N, C-alpha and C. Protein backbone atom coordinates (compact mmCIF):
# COMPACT_ATOMS: atom_id res chain seq x y z
N MET A 1 -63.51 -5.33 -38.07
CA MET A 1 -62.15 -5.81 -37.89
C MET A 1 -62.16 -7.29 -37.64
N ASP A 2 -61.12 -7.90 -38.14
CA ASP A 2 -60.97 -9.34 -38.00
C ASP A 2 -60.28 -9.62 -36.66
N GLU A 3 -60.90 -10.47 -35.87
CA GLU A 3 -60.36 -10.76 -34.54
C GLU A 3 -58.95 -11.37 -34.60
N PRO A 4 -58.64 -12.32 -35.48
CA PRO A 4 -57.26 -12.83 -35.56
C PRO A 4 -56.25 -11.76 -35.93
N GLU A 5 -56.64 -10.82 -36.81
CA GLU A 5 -55.73 -9.74 -37.18
C GLU A 5 -55.47 -8.81 -36.00
N ASP A 6 -56.55 -8.52 -35.24
CA ASP A 6 -56.38 -7.68 -34.04
C ASP A 6 -55.47 -8.37 -33.04
N LEU A 7 -55.64 -9.67 -32.87
CA LEU A 7 -54.80 -10.42 -31.94
C LEU A 7 -53.36 -10.43 -32.42
N MET A 8 -53.16 -10.61 -33.72
CA MET A 8 -51.81 -10.60 -34.29
C MET A 8 -51.16 -9.23 -34.11
N ARG A 9 -51.91 -8.16 -34.37
CA ARG A 9 -51.39 -6.80 -34.22
C ARG A 9 -51.03 -6.53 -32.75
N ALA A 10 -51.90 -6.94 -31.82
CA ALA A 10 -51.64 -6.74 -30.39
C ALA A 10 -50.41 -7.53 -29.95
N THR A 11 -50.29 -8.74 -30.47
CA THR A 11 -49.12 -9.57 -30.13
C THR A 11 -47.85 -8.94 -30.67
N THR A 12 -47.90 -8.44 -31.90
CA THR A 12 -46.74 -7.78 -32.52
C THR A 12 -46.37 -6.52 -31.74
N GLU A 13 -47.36 -5.73 -31.35
CA GLU A 13 -47.10 -4.52 -30.58
C GLU A 13 -46.48 -4.85 -29.23
N MET A 14 -46.98 -5.92 -28.60
CA MET A 14 -46.42 -6.33 -27.32
C MET A 14 -44.98 -6.80 -27.48
N ALA A 15 -44.71 -7.56 -28.51
CA ALA A 15 -43.35 -8.04 -28.77
C ALA A 15 -42.42 -6.85 -29.04
N ASP A 16 -42.91 -5.88 -29.82
CA ASP A 16 -42.11 -4.69 -30.09
C ASP A 16 -41.81 -3.92 -28.81
N GLU A 17 -42.82 -3.81 -27.95
CA GLU A 17 -42.63 -3.09 -26.68
C GLU A 17 -41.62 -3.83 -25.80
N TYR A 18 -41.70 -5.15 -25.72
CA TYR A 18 -40.72 -5.93 -24.95
C TYR A 18 -39.31 -5.77 -25.50
N GLN A 19 -39.19 -5.74 -26.81
CA GLN A 19 -37.87 -5.55 -27.43
C GLN A 19 -37.33 -4.15 -27.12
N ARG A 20 -38.20 -3.14 -27.17
CA ARG A 20 -37.78 -1.78 -26.86
C ARG A 20 -37.30 -1.70 -25.40
N ILE A 21 -38.06 -2.31 -24.51
CA ILE A 21 -37.68 -2.31 -23.09
C ILE A 21 -36.36 -3.04 -22.90
N ALA A 22 -36.20 -4.18 -23.57
CA ALA A 22 -34.95 -4.95 -23.46
C ALA A 22 -33.77 -4.14 -23.97
N ARG A 23 -33.94 -3.41 -25.07
CA ARG A 23 -32.85 -2.57 -25.59
C ARG A 23 -32.51 -1.46 -24.61
N GLU A 24 -33.53 -0.83 -24.03
CA GLU A 24 -33.29 0.24 -23.05
C GLU A 24 -32.56 -0.31 -21.82
N GLU A 25 -33.00 -1.47 -21.34
CA GLU A 25 -32.35 -2.06 -20.17
C GLU A 25 -30.91 -2.46 -20.49
N ALA A 26 -30.70 -3.01 -21.68
CA ALA A 26 -29.33 -3.38 -22.07
C ALA A 26 -28.45 -2.14 -22.15
N ALA A 27 -28.98 -1.06 -22.68
CA ALA A 27 -28.21 0.19 -22.77
C ALA A 27 -27.92 0.72 -21.37
N GLU A 28 -28.90 0.63 -20.47
CA GLU A 28 -28.70 1.10 -19.10
C GLU A 28 -27.64 0.26 -18.39
N TRP A 29 -27.67 -1.07 -18.56
CA TRP A 29 -26.65 -1.93 -17.94
C TRP A 29 -25.28 -1.64 -18.54
N GLU A 30 -25.22 -1.35 -19.81
CA GLU A 30 -23.95 -1.01 -20.46
C GLU A 30 -23.39 0.27 -19.86
N ARG A 31 -24.25 1.27 -19.69
CA ARG A 31 -23.82 2.55 -19.09
C ARG A 31 -23.35 2.33 -17.66
N ILE A 32 -24.13 1.57 -16.90
CA ILE A 32 -23.76 1.29 -15.51
C ILE A 32 -22.43 0.55 -15.46
N SER A 33 -22.26 -0.42 -16.32
CA SER A 33 -21.01 -1.20 -16.35
C SER A 33 -19.82 -0.31 -16.67
N ARG A 34 -19.97 0.57 -17.63
CA ARG A 34 -18.89 1.47 -18.03
C ARG A 34 -18.54 2.42 -16.87
N GLU A 35 -19.56 3.02 -16.27
CA GLU A 35 -19.31 3.94 -15.15
C GLU A 35 -18.68 3.22 -13.97
N THR A 36 -19.13 1.99 -13.72
CA THR A 36 -18.58 1.22 -12.60
C THR A 36 -17.13 0.84 -12.86
N ALA A 37 -16.83 0.46 -14.08
CA ALA A 37 -15.44 0.11 -14.42
C ALA A 37 -14.52 1.33 -14.22
N GLU A 38 -14.98 2.49 -14.65
CA GLU A 38 -14.19 3.71 -14.46
C GLU A 38 -14.01 4.00 -12.96
N ALA A 39 -15.09 3.84 -12.20
CA ALA A 39 -15.01 4.10 -10.76
C ALA A 39 -14.09 3.10 -10.08
N MET A 40 -14.12 1.86 -10.51
CA MET A 40 -13.26 0.84 -9.91
C MET A 40 -11.79 1.11 -10.20
N GLU A 41 -11.50 1.69 -11.35
CA GLU A 41 -10.12 2.10 -11.63
C GLU A 41 -9.66 3.15 -10.63
N GLN A 42 -10.57 4.08 -10.32
CA GLN A 42 -10.25 5.10 -9.33
C GLN A 42 -10.05 4.47 -7.95
N VAL A 43 -10.88 3.48 -7.61
CA VAL A 43 -10.75 2.80 -6.32
C VAL A 43 -9.40 2.07 -6.25
N ALA A 44 -9.01 1.44 -7.35
CA ALA A 44 -7.71 0.74 -7.38
C ALA A 44 -6.56 1.73 -7.17
N GLU A 45 -6.66 2.90 -7.79
CA GLU A 45 -5.63 3.93 -7.60
C GLU A 45 -5.62 4.40 -6.14
N SER A 46 -6.80 4.58 -5.57
CA SER A 46 -6.90 4.98 -4.16
C SER A 46 -6.30 3.91 -3.26
N ALA A 47 -6.58 2.65 -3.56
CA ALA A 47 -6.05 1.55 -2.74
C ALA A 47 -4.53 1.55 -2.77
N GLN A 48 -3.96 1.81 -3.93
CA GLN A 48 -2.50 1.86 -4.04
C GLN A 48 -1.93 2.98 -3.18
N ARG A 49 -2.54 4.15 -3.29
CA ARG A 49 -2.08 5.29 -2.49
C ARG A 49 -2.26 5.01 -0.99
N LEU A 50 -3.40 4.46 -0.63
CA LEU A 50 -3.67 4.17 0.78
C LEU A 50 -2.69 3.13 1.34
N ALA A 51 -2.34 2.14 0.53
CA ALA A 51 -1.42 1.10 0.98
C ALA A 51 -0.03 1.66 1.27
N GLU A 52 0.31 2.77 0.65
CA GLU A 52 1.62 3.38 0.84
C GLU A 52 1.66 4.36 2.01
N GLN A 53 0.50 4.72 2.54
CA GLN A 53 0.47 5.67 3.65
C GLN A 53 1.03 5.03 4.91
N GLU A 54 1.75 5.84 5.67
CA GLU A 54 2.37 5.33 6.88
C GLU A 54 1.43 5.45 8.08
N VAL A 55 1.45 4.43 8.90
CA VAL A 55 0.66 4.36 10.12
C VAL A 55 1.64 4.21 11.27
N THR A 56 1.35 4.89 12.38
CA THR A 56 2.19 4.76 13.57
C THR A 56 1.38 4.12 14.69
N TRP A 57 1.98 3.14 15.33
CA TRP A 57 1.35 2.47 16.47
C TRP A 57 2.30 2.57 17.65
N LYS A 58 1.74 2.88 18.82
CA LYS A 58 2.54 2.97 20.05
C LYS A 58 1.94 2.03 21.08
N SER A 59 2.79 1.33 21.79
CA SER A 59 2.30 0.47 22.87
C SER A 59 1.68 1.33 23.96
N GLU A 60 0.82 0.71 24.77
CA GLU A 60 0.15 1.46 25.83
C GLU A 60 1.15 2.13 26.78
N ASP A 61 2.25 1.44 27.05
CA ASP A 61 3.24 2.01 27.97
C ASP A 61 4.20 2.97 27.26
N GLY A 62 4.05 3.11 25.95
CA GLY A 62 4.87 4.03 25.18
C GLY A 62 6.29 3.56 24.92
N ARG A 63 6.60 2.32 25.27
CA ARG A 63 7.98 1.83 25.12
C ARG A 63 8.29 1.28 23.74
N ILE A 64 7.25 0.96 22.97
CA ILE A 64 7.47 0.42 21.62
C ILE A 64 6.66 1.26 20.64
N THR A 65 7.31 1.68 19.58
CA THR A 65 6.65 2.41 18.50
C THR A 65 6.96 1.70 17.19
N VAL A 66 5.92 1.46 16.42
CA VAL A 66 6.08 0.82 15.11
C VAL A 66 5.52 1.77 14.06
N ARG A 67 6.29 2.00 13.02
CA ARG A 67 5.82 2.75 11.86
C ARG A 67 5.82 1.80 10.68
N LEU A 68 4.67 1.70 10.05
CA LEU A 68 4.55 0.80 8.90
C LEU A 68 3.55 1.37 7.92
N THR A 69 3.60 0.85 6.70
CA THR A 69 2.62 1.29 5.70
C THR A 69 1.33 0.54 5.94
N ALA A 70 0.25 1.10 5.42
CA ALA A 70 -1.04 0.42 5.53
C ALA A 70 -1.00 -0.92 4.80
N GLY A 71 -0.09 -1.06 3.86
CA GLY A 71 0.09 -2.32 3.16
C GLY A 71 0.87 -3.34 3.98
N GLY A 72 1.40 -2.94 5.14
CA GLY A 72 2.06 -3.86 6.04
C GLY A 72 3.57 -3.81 6.07
N ALA A 73 4.20 -3.00 5.22
CA ALA A 73 5.66 -2.91 5.20
C ALA A 73 6.14 -2.13 6.42
N ILE A 74 7.02 -2.72 7.19
CA ILE A 74 7.52 -2.08 8.40
C ILE A 74 8.62 -1.09 8.03
N ASN A 75 8.42 0.16 8.43
CA ASN A 75 9.40 1.22 8.16
C ASN A 75 10.33 1.44 9.34
N ALA A 76 9.81 1.26 10.57
CA ALA A 76 10.65 1.50 11.75
C ALA A 76 10.07 0.78 12.96
N LEU A 77 10.96 0.36 13.81
CA LEU A 77 10.61 -0.23 15.09
C LEU A 77 11.50 0.45 16.12
N ASP A 78 10.89 1.23 16.98
CA ASP A 78 11.65 1.97 17.99
C ASP A 78 11.33 1.41 19.37
N LEU A 79 12.39 1.13 20.12
CA LEU A 79 12.25 0.62 21.49
C LEU A 79 12.79 1.67 22.45
N ALA A 80 12.12 1.80 23.58
CA ALA A 80 12.64 2.68 24.63
C ALA A 80 14.00 2.14 25.04
N PRO A 81 14.93 2.99 25.42
CA PRO A 81 16.29 2.55 25.75
C PRO A 81 16.34 1.41 26.78
N ALA A 82 15.44 1.36 27.72
CA ALA A 82 15.49 0.33 28.77
C ALA A 82 14.92 -1.01 28.32
N MET A 83 14.24 -1.05 27.19
CA MET A 83 13.58 -2.30 26.75
C MET A 83 14.55 -3.48 26.65
N PRO A 84 15.67 -3.36 25.96
CA PRO A 84 16.55 -4.53 25.83
C PRO A 84 17.08 -5.03 27.18
N GLN A 85 17.25 -4.13 28.14
CA GLN A 85 17.75 -4.55 29.45
C GLN A 85 16.62 -5.09 30.33
N ARG A 86 15.42 -4.66 30.08
CA ARG A 86 14.29 -5.03 30.92
C ARG A 86 13.82 -6.47 30.67
N TYR A 87 13.99 -6.97 29.46
CA TYR A 87 13.50 -8.30 29.07
C TYR A 87 14.66 -9.18 28.63
N ASP A 88 14.47 -10.49 28.83
CA ASP A 88 15.42 -11.41 28.22
C ASP A 88 15.07 -11.48 26.74
N SER A 89 15.87 -12.17 25.96
CA SER A 89 15.67 -12.17 24.50
C SER A 89 14.30 -12.74 24.12
N ALA A 90 13.84 -13.79 24.80
CA ALA A 90 12.53 -14.37 24.48
C ALA A 90 11.41 -13.39 24.81
N GLY A 91 11.52 -12.74 25.97
CA GLY A 91 10.49 -11.78 26.37
C GLY A 91 10.45 -10.57 25.45
N LEU A 92 11.62 -10.10 25.08
CA LEU A 92 11.70 -8.96 24.18
C LEU A 92 11.13 -9.33 22.80
N GLY A 93 11.49 -10.52 22.34
CA GLY A 93 10.97 -10.99 21.05
C GLY A 93 9.46 -11.09 21.08
N LYS A 94 8.91 -11.59 22.19
CA LYS A 94 7.45 -11.71 22.32
C LYS A 94 6.79 -10.33 22.29
N ARG A 95 7.34 -9.38 23.03
CA ARG A 95 6.78 -8.02 23.05
C ARG A 95 6.84 -7.38 21.66
N ILE A 96 7.95 -7.58 20.97
CA ILE A 96 8.09 -7.01 19.62
C ILE A 96 7.08 -7.66 18.67
N ALA A 97 6.94 -8.98 18.74
CA ALA A 97 5.98 -9.68 17.87
C ALA A 97 4.56 -9.19 18.15
N GLU A 98 4.21 -9.05 19.42
CA GLU A 98 2.88 -8.54 19.77
C GLU A 98 2.68 -7.13 19.23
N ALA A 99 3.71 -6.31 19.35
CA ALA A 99 3.63 -4.93 18.86
C ALA A 99 3.43 -4.90 17.35
N LEU A 100 4.17 -5.74 16.65
CA LEU A 100 4.04 -5.79 15.18
C LEU A 100 2.64 -6.24 14.77
N ARG A 101 2.12 -7.26 15.44
CA ARG A 101 0.76 -7.73 15.12
C ARG A 101 -0.27 -6.62 15.38
N ALA A 102 -0.15 -5.96 16.51
CA ALA A 102 -1.10 -4.89 16.84
C ALA A 102 -1.00 -3.75 15.82
N ALA A 103 0.22 -3.40 15.46
CA ALA A 103 0.42 -2.33 14.47
C ALA A 103 -0.17 -2.72 13.12
N GLN A 104 0.03 -3.97 12.72
CA GLN A 104 -0.51 -4.42 11.44
C GLN A 104 -2.04 -4.44 11.46
N LEU A 105 -2.62 -4.84 12.58
CA LEU A 105 -4.09 -4.82 12.69
C LEU A 105 -4.61 -3.39 12.59
N LYS A 106 -3.93 -2.46 13.27
CA LYS A 106 -4.34 -1.07 13.19
C LYS A 106 -4.22 -0.56 11.75
N ALA A 107 -3.12 -0.87 11.10
CA ALA A 107 -2.91 -0.42 9.72
C ALA A 107 -3.97 -1.00 8.80
N ARG A 108 -4.26 -2.28 8.95
CA ARG A 108 -5.27 -2.93 8.10
C ARG A 108 -6.64 -2.30 8.33
N LYS A 109 -6.99 -2.05 9.59
CA LYS A 109 -8.29 -1.44 9.92
C LYS A 109 -8.39 -0.06 9.29
N GLU A 110 -7.36 0.76 9.45
CA GLU A 110 -7.38 2.11 8.89
C GLU A 110 -7.45 2.06 7.36
N PHE A 111 -6.72 1.11 6.76
CA PHE A 111 -6.74 0.96 5.30
C PHE A 111 -8.15 0.59 4.84
N ASN A 112 -8.76 -0.41 5.48
CA ASN A 112 -10.09 -0.85 5.08
C ASN A 112 -11.13 0.25 5.23
N GLU A 113 -11.04 1.01 6.31
CA GLU A 113 -11.99 2.11 6.52
C GLU A 113 -11.81 3.19 5.45
N ALA A 114 -10.57 3.54 5.17
CA ALA A 114 -10.30 4.57 4.16
C ALA A 114 -10.70 4.09 2.77
N LEU A 115 -10.44 2.82 2.48
CA LEU A 115 -10.82 2.28 1.17
C LEU A 115 -12.33 2.26 1.01
N GLU A 116 -13.03 1.82 2.03
CA GLU A 116 -14.50 1.80 2.00
C GLU A 116 -15.04 3.20 1.76
N ALA A 117 -14.46 4.18 2.42
CA ALA A 117 -14.90 5.57 2.25
C ALA A 117 -14.60 6.10 0.85
N SER A 118 -13.62 5.51 0.18
CA SER A 118 -13.25 6.00 -1.16
C SER A 118 -14.09 5.38 -2.27
N ILE A 119 -14.89 4.38 -1.95
CA ILE A 119 -15.70 3.72 -2.98
C ILE A 119 -16.86 4.64 -3.35
N PRO A 120 -16.94 5.03 -4.62
CA PRO A 120 -18.00 5.95 -5.05
C PRO A 120 -19.39 5.33 -4.88
N GLU A 121 -20.36 6.18 -4.66
CA GLU A 121 -21.74 5.72 -4.51
C GLU A 121 -22.19 4.94 -5.75
N ARG A 122 -21.68 5.32 -6.93
CA ARG A 122 -22.07 4.62 -8.16
C ARG A 122 -21.74 3.13 -8.06
N VAL A 123 -20.59 2.80 -7.49
CA VAL A 123 -20.19 1.40 -7.35
C VAL A 123 -21.09 0.70 -6.34
N LYS A 124 -21.37 1.36 -5.25
CA LYS A 124 -22.26 0.77 -4.24
C LYS A 124 -23.65 0.54 -4.82
N GLU A 125 -24.12 1.49 -5.61
CA GLU A 125 -25.42 1.37 -6.26
C GLU A 125 -25.42 0.20 -7.25
N THR A 126 -24.34 0.05 -8.00
CA THR A 126 -24.24 -1.06 -8.95
C THR A 126 -24.27 -2.39 -8.21
N GLU A 127 -23.53 -2.48 -7.11
CA GLU A 127 -23.55 -3.72 -6.33
C GLU A 127 -24.97 -4.04 -5.88
N ARG A 128 -25.71 -3.02 -5.44
CA ARG A 128 -27.09 -3.22 -5.01
C ARG A 128 -27.95 -3.71 -6.17
N LEU A 129 -27.81 -3.08 -7.33
CA LEU A 129 -28.59 -3.48 -8.50
C LEU A 129 -28.29 -4.91 -8.91
N ILE A 130 -27.03 -5.30 -8.86
CA ILE A 130 -26.66 -6.66 -9.23
C ILE A 130 -27.28 -7.66 -8.26
N ARG A 131 -27.19 -7.35 -6.96
CA ARG A 131 -27.81 -8.25 -5.97
C ARG A 131 -29.30 -8.38 -6.21
N GLU A 132 -29.97 -7.26 -6.45
CA GLU A 132 -31.42 -7.27 -6.65
C GLU A 132 -31.82 -7.98 -7.94
N SER A 133 -30.95 -7.95 -8.93
CA SER A 133 -31.28 -8.58 -10.21
C SER A 133 -31.07 -10.10 -10.18
N GLY A 134 -30.41 -10.57 -9.11
CA GLY A 134 -30.15 -12.00 -9.01
C GLY A 134 -28.95 -12.45 -9.82
N HIS A 135 -28.11 -11.52 -10.27
CA HIS A 135 -26.93 -11.85 -11.08
C HIS A 135 -25.65 -11.89 -10.26
N ASP A 136 -25.77 -11.99 -8.96
CA ASP A 136 -24.56 -12.01 -8.13
C ASP A 136 -24.09 -13.39 -8.03
């Protein structure tokens, strides 16, 4: 056997093997991308549903109740009957503002936790693969 021919054949075989591996990896990334896109559509639908869910927050003393969506839309603000007489307008406004902020924080926290739980493992796995590949 001719040594240059053997070297040429080995080089060609190696190039063919690299091309085969590249095609397989490209096909795998295509499959992962397709599955991830489908899963992300489901996550978006879940996020929409979760944003519409109602959350109820009650003050520690039970005098203020706020009902709002996880998306932040206020549906109701209920005050105990004595609240308006107990505070001047500035004090009442401050208590209501504090209650709304606390309710919104609770709603956001519950939304984020529920959304995180709704993310399929396939999406989490894809995120990990992207980070590991250096393409983030």
